[in-house]
Amino acid sequence: MSDLNTCVLVLNLRYAFRRLKNNPGFTIVAVLTLTLGIGANAAMFSIINAVLLRPLPYRDPQNLVTLSERWPQFPKLSVSYLNYKDWRDQSHSLEAVGAVRNAAMTLTGGAQAELVPCQNVTANIFDLLGTKPGLGRAFTADEDKAGAPNVVLISHALWQRRFSSSPSVLGQAIKLNNQRYSIIGVMPAEFEILQQ
């Protein structure tokens, strides 16, 4: 019975190839349709896998929540510091609250100035996410207060690009928006805080 099925399959494939060869317009449309369909499915799976199926790269991702404020008049508005303090100090249902604010700063002092994306974070954010710098240390609670020295953790990519992956980067000074910061650590290559 399987020999008969194989024979029928071979005959059907021969017939299909003959029809496609004799009708090139239909063949082009069929190939383009298949290509677009396969490409769209691959793209959708990649998005769904990244957003829904793959767990977040943090410790206990099921216990993390994002709090934000939305105003129709100001779609890019971030949470004010006073609101963050209220959420942190008055929350009874959250174990801890940390804050992240996205920004961009001009890095000077190298061959040329560079606009770098950065994130202002509270000192406890790395404990909340369960991650540590790959090199150096994270922020301390004392560095989270007004008047504390300017310290910075840099991304792995910036460390490679601007500092040639040198471990002696710790303690070096850089200028961000014309203010001096001391580098205290380098984040792991795969580390990323979700942006809103």
Protein backbone atom coordinates (compact mmCIF):
# COMPACT_ATOMS: atom_id res chain seq x y z
CA MET A 1 0.00 0.00 0.00
CA SER A 2 2.85 2.44 0.80
CA ASP A 3 4.39 1.82 -2.67
CA LEU A 4 1.08 2.84 -4.24
CA ASN A 5 0.97 6.03 -2.10
CA THR A 6 4.55 6.87 -3.08
CA CYS A 7 3.76 6.34 -6.76
CA VAL A 8 0.68 8.56 -6.57
CA LEU A 9 2.68 11.27 -4.75
CA VAL A 10 5.43 11.20 -7.40
CA LEU A 11 2.83 11.45 -10.20
CA ASN A 12 1.11 14.37 -8.46
CA LEU A 13 4.42 16.21 -7.99
CA ARG A 14 5.34 15.70 -11.67
CA TYR A 15 1.96 17.03 -12.72
CA ALA A 16 2.29 20.05 -10.40
CA PHE A 17 5.77 20.92 -11.68
CA ARG A 18 4.60 20.60 -15.32
CA ARG A 19 1.68 22.96 -14.61
CA LEU A 20 3.94 25.48 -12.88
CA LYS A 21 6.47 25.32 -15.71
CA ASN A 22 3.78 25.96 -18.34
CA ASN A 23 2.26 28.91 -16.43
CA PRO A 24 5.13 31.18 -15.21
CA GLY A 25 2.83 34.05 -14.10
CA PHE A 26 0.93 31.77 -11.74
CA THR A 27 4.21 30.28 -10.52
CA ILE A 28 5.61 33.72 -9.60
CA VAL A 29 2.41 34.67 -7.76
CA ALA A 30 2.35 31.32 -5.91
CA VAL A 31 6.02 31.59 -4.87
CA LEU A 32 5.60 35.22 -3.72
CA THR A 33 2.46 34.30 -1.76
CA LEU A 34 4.25 31.43 -0.03
CA THR A 35 7.28 33.61 0.68
CA LEU A 36 5.18 36.39 2.22
CA GLY A 37 3.13 33.91 4.24
CA ILE A 38 6.16 32.11 5.64
CA GLY A 39 7.93 35.43 6.36
CA ALA A 40 4.88 36.89 8.13
CA ASN A 41 4.46 33.74 10.24
CA ALA A 42 8.14 33.77 11.21
CA ALA A 43 7.95 37.46 12.19
CA MET A 44 4.78 36.96 14.23
CA PHE A 45 6.26 33.95 16.02
CA SER A 46 9.41 35.93 16.85
CA ILE A 47 7.31 38.71 18.37
CA ILE A 48 5.04 36.35 20.29
CA ASN A 49 8.02 34.35 21.52
CA ALA A 50 9.85 37.46 22.72
CA VAL A 51 6.81 39.09 24.34
CA LEU A 52 4.67 36.22 25.62
CA LEU A 53 6.49 32.90 25.67
CA ARG A 54 10.03 33.65 26.81
CA PRO A 55 10.21 34.57 30.51
CA LEU A 56 11.65 37.92 31.50
CA PRO A 57 15.39 37.72 32.27
CA TYR A 58 14.90 38.63 35.91
CA ARG A 59 14.65 36.73 39.17
CA ASP A 60 10.99 35.86 39.91
CA PRO A 61 9.51 37.67 36.88
CA GLN A 62 6.01 36.57 37.90
CA ASN A 63 6.31 38.82 40.97
CA LEU A 64 7.22 41.99 39.05
CA VAL A 65 4.73 44.69 38.11
CA THR A 66 5.15 47.97 36.27
CA LEU A 67 3.52 51.06 37.68
CA SER A 68 3.13 54.13 35.51
CA GLU A 69 1.08 57.24 35.00
CA ARG A 70 -0.65 58.12 31.74
CA TRP A 71 -2.06 61.48 30.79
CA PRO A 72 -3.63 61.93 27.33
CA GLN A 73 -2.18 65.45 27.15
CA PHE A 74 1.36 64.25 28.00
CA PRO A 75 2.00 60.77 26.57
CA LYS A 76 5.74 60.86 27.38
CA LEU A 77 5.26 61.98 30.98
CA SER A 78 7.02 59.84 33.55
CA VAL A 79 6.12 59.36 37.20
CA SER A 80 7.13 62.27 39.41
CA TYR A 81 9.60 61.65 42.21
CA LEU A 82 7.02 62.60 44.84
CA ASN A 83 4.51 60.09 43.44
CA TYR A 84 7.22 57.43 43.43
CA LYS A 85 7.97 58.19 47.10
CA ASP A 86 4.25 57.94 47.95
CA TRP A 87 3.95 54.58 46.17
CA ARG A 88 7.10 53.31 47.88
CA ASP A 89 6.21 54.51 51.37
CA GLN A 90 2.46 53.83 51.39
CA SER A 91 2.24 50.55 49.52
CA HIS A 92 0.97 47.62 51.58
CA SER A 93 0.65 45.10 48.76
CA LEU A 94 4.09 45.51 47.15
CA GLU A 95 7.22 44.10 48.75
CA ALA A 96 9.39 46.91 47.37
CA VAL A 97 9.18 49.70 44.81
CA GLY A 98 11.97 50.94 42.56
CA ALA A 99 12.01 53.56 39.84
CA VAL A 100 13.45 53.84 36.34
CA ARG A 101 13.42 56.98 34.19
CA ASN A 102 14.60 56.84 30.59
CA ALA A 103 16.76 59.67 29.30
CA ALA A 104 19.52 60.49 26.87
CA MET A 105 22.76 62.21 27.82
CA THR A 106 25.75 63.52 25.90
CA LEU A 107 28.92 61.59 26.68
CA THR A 108 32.06 63.66 26.12
CA GLY A 109 35.72 63.07 26.74
CA GLY A 110 36.53 60.57 24.00
CA ALA A 111 37.32 61.07 20.35
CA GLN A 112 33.91 62.64 19.80
CA ALA A 113 30.76 63.44 21.73
CA GLU A 114 28.06 60.78 21.68
CA LEU A 115 24.39 60.88 22.63
CA VAL A 116 23.84 57.77 24.75
CA PRO A 117 20.55 56.36 26.02
CA CYS A 118 20.57 56.07 29.77
CA GLN A 119 18.29 55.27 32.65
CA ASN A 120 18.15 56.96 36.01
CA VAL A 121 17.37 54.25 38.55
CA THR A 122 16.92 53.95 42.27
CA ALA A 123 19.61 52.05 44.13
CA ASN A 124 17.33 49.09 44.89
CA ILE A 125 16.35 48.36 41.27
CA PHE A 126 19.05 45.72 40.77
CA ASP A 127 18.03 43.88 43.96
CA LEU A 128 14.40 43.93 42.77
CA LEU A 129 15.36 42.49 39.39
CA GLY A 130 17.79 40.01 40.91
CA THR A 131 20.78 41.06 38.85
CA LYS A 132 24.29 42.25 39.56
CA PRO A 133 26.89 44.10 37.55
CA GLY A 134 29.24 41.90 35.56
CA LEU A 135 32.13 44.05 36.75
CA GLY A 136 32.28 46.30 39.79
CA ARG A 137 29.36 46.98 42.08
CA ALA A 138 25.80 48.32 42.07
CA PHE A 139 24.57 51.53 43.69
CA THR A 140 24.38 51.83 47.46
CA ALA A 141 21.52 53.39 49.44
CA ASP A 142 23.80 56.33 50.34
CA GLU A 143 24.33 57.06 46.63
CA ASP A 144 20.53 57.32 46.21
CA LYS A 145 20.32 60.50 48.27
CA ALA A 146 20.52 64.15 47.26
CA GLY A 147 24.07 65.48 47.36
CA ALA A 148 25.67 62.05 46.91
CA PRO A 149 28.64 61.77 44.54
CA ASN A 150 27.80 61.22 40.88
CA VAL A 151 28.35 57.54 40.09
CA VAL A 152 27.34 55.52 37.06
CA LEU A 153 27.04 51.94 35.85
CA ILE A 154 27.70 51.56 32.14
CA SER A 155 26.31 49.05 29.68
CA HIS A 156 28.40 46.18 28.39
CA ALA A 157 28.17 47.58 24.85
CA LEU A 158 29.45 51.02 25.92
CA TRP A 159 32.24 49.35 27.91
CA GLN A 160 33.34 47.45 24.82
CA ARG A 161 32.99 50.36 22.40
CA ARG A 162 34.46 53.25 24.41
CA PHE A 163 36.74 51.47 26.89
CA SER A 164 37.93 48.43 24.88
CA SER A 165 36.55 46.06 27.56
CA SER A 166 39.25 47.17 29.96
CA PRO A 167 38.73 46.07 33.59
CA SER A 168 40.55 49.26 34.65
CA VAL A 169 37.43 51.24 33.72
CA LEU A 170 36.31 51.11 37.35
CA GLY A 171 36.95 54.43 39.03
CA GLN A 172 37.46 56.28 35.76
CA ALA A 173 35.66 59.58 35.31
CA ILE A 174 33.36 60.35 32.40
CA LYS A 175 31.35 63.44 31.55
CA LEU A 176 27.62 63.15 30.95
CA ASN A 177 25.86 66.42 30.07
CA ASN A 178 28.99 68.24 31.26
CA GLN A 179 28.83 66.68 34.72
CA ARG A 180 31.55 64.39 36.00
CA TYR A 181 30.57 60.82 36.96
CA SER A 182 32.71 58.03 38.36
CA ILE A 183 32.23 54.56 36.82
CA ILE A 184 31.50 52.00 39.55
CA GLY A 185 30.40 49.04 37.44
CA VAL A 186 29.59 47.44 34.09
CA MET A 187 26.32 45.63 33.52
CA PRO A 188 26.26 42.12 31.95
CA ALA A 189 25.90 41.90 28.17
CA GLU A 190 22.37 40.49 28.30
CA PHE A 191 21.04 42.95 30.88
CA GLU A 192 18.25 45.31 29.85
CA ILE A 193 15.56 47.12 31.81
CA LEU A 194 12.25 47.11 30.00
CA GLN A 195 11.42 50.52 28.62
CA GLN A 196 7.96 51.98 28.33
